[in-house]
Amino acid sequence: MTTPFYVFWNCAECHSRTTAQSAFVRWMRNQKSLDSVEGIVRTDMDHIILRYKTSLDGRDFQLAMVVEEKQFGAKPDPAQRDILSIINQLCGTSGRNLRGVKTRTSKMVWSPMFRRKVRVRWLGCHLLQFSHSGPEDSDWIKWDHKVIDRHILAGLLAIERDPYCPEKFIIELLRDRHNKRRQPMLFGLDTQAA
């Protein structure tokens, strides 16, 4: 059975209390054929974040991730965890580098906005939890079950930090470790000359 919707808000004009959902979502909830007993599972995606980034070696990337936000320490229910896991597996691409080590790879996809193919690196689905309603009033903030501060959170949402390892900056993930281009000369001396 489809679970009831528990988020409410009070209208500032008429002061009536209603669920914080669109008319379409309310309509879907009232359709018997769309009930979970029929094998239909629906969930919303809280935040889809995309960031254009250029790595140190000049390669352009679109970095993409999904952030599932939960307030008051809530956790995703089993169906929502399952959907997010499936999406993560469908979108995620991994491969092996030149040394055979597993790594996250990029995928070239068509961008209607840029009207060309762009390199996209999927950074996964992540859980963001607040002890209260948001960063300003919470005693703690958790990213994938690890406590972080507001500064780290801002870096994660700006995709300046690696969402899998928030202490690291994203540029480290993007650098080309196999780049054999010559490094610039230091004080006029060629640092790679034999």
Foldseek 3Di string as FASTA:
>chain_A
DDDDQDAWDADPPPRDIDHPDDPVVVVLVPDPCQDCVVVHDDDDFDDWAWAWDAAPVGAIEIEIETEDEEELQDDDDPVVVVVQVVVQVVPWDWDADPVRHIATAWDWDADPVVRGTHTYTYLGYKYWYFNHGDQVPGPFIDINNHTDHPVLVVCVRNQQARSVDSVHGCSVSVDDPPDPDQDDADPPHRPPDD
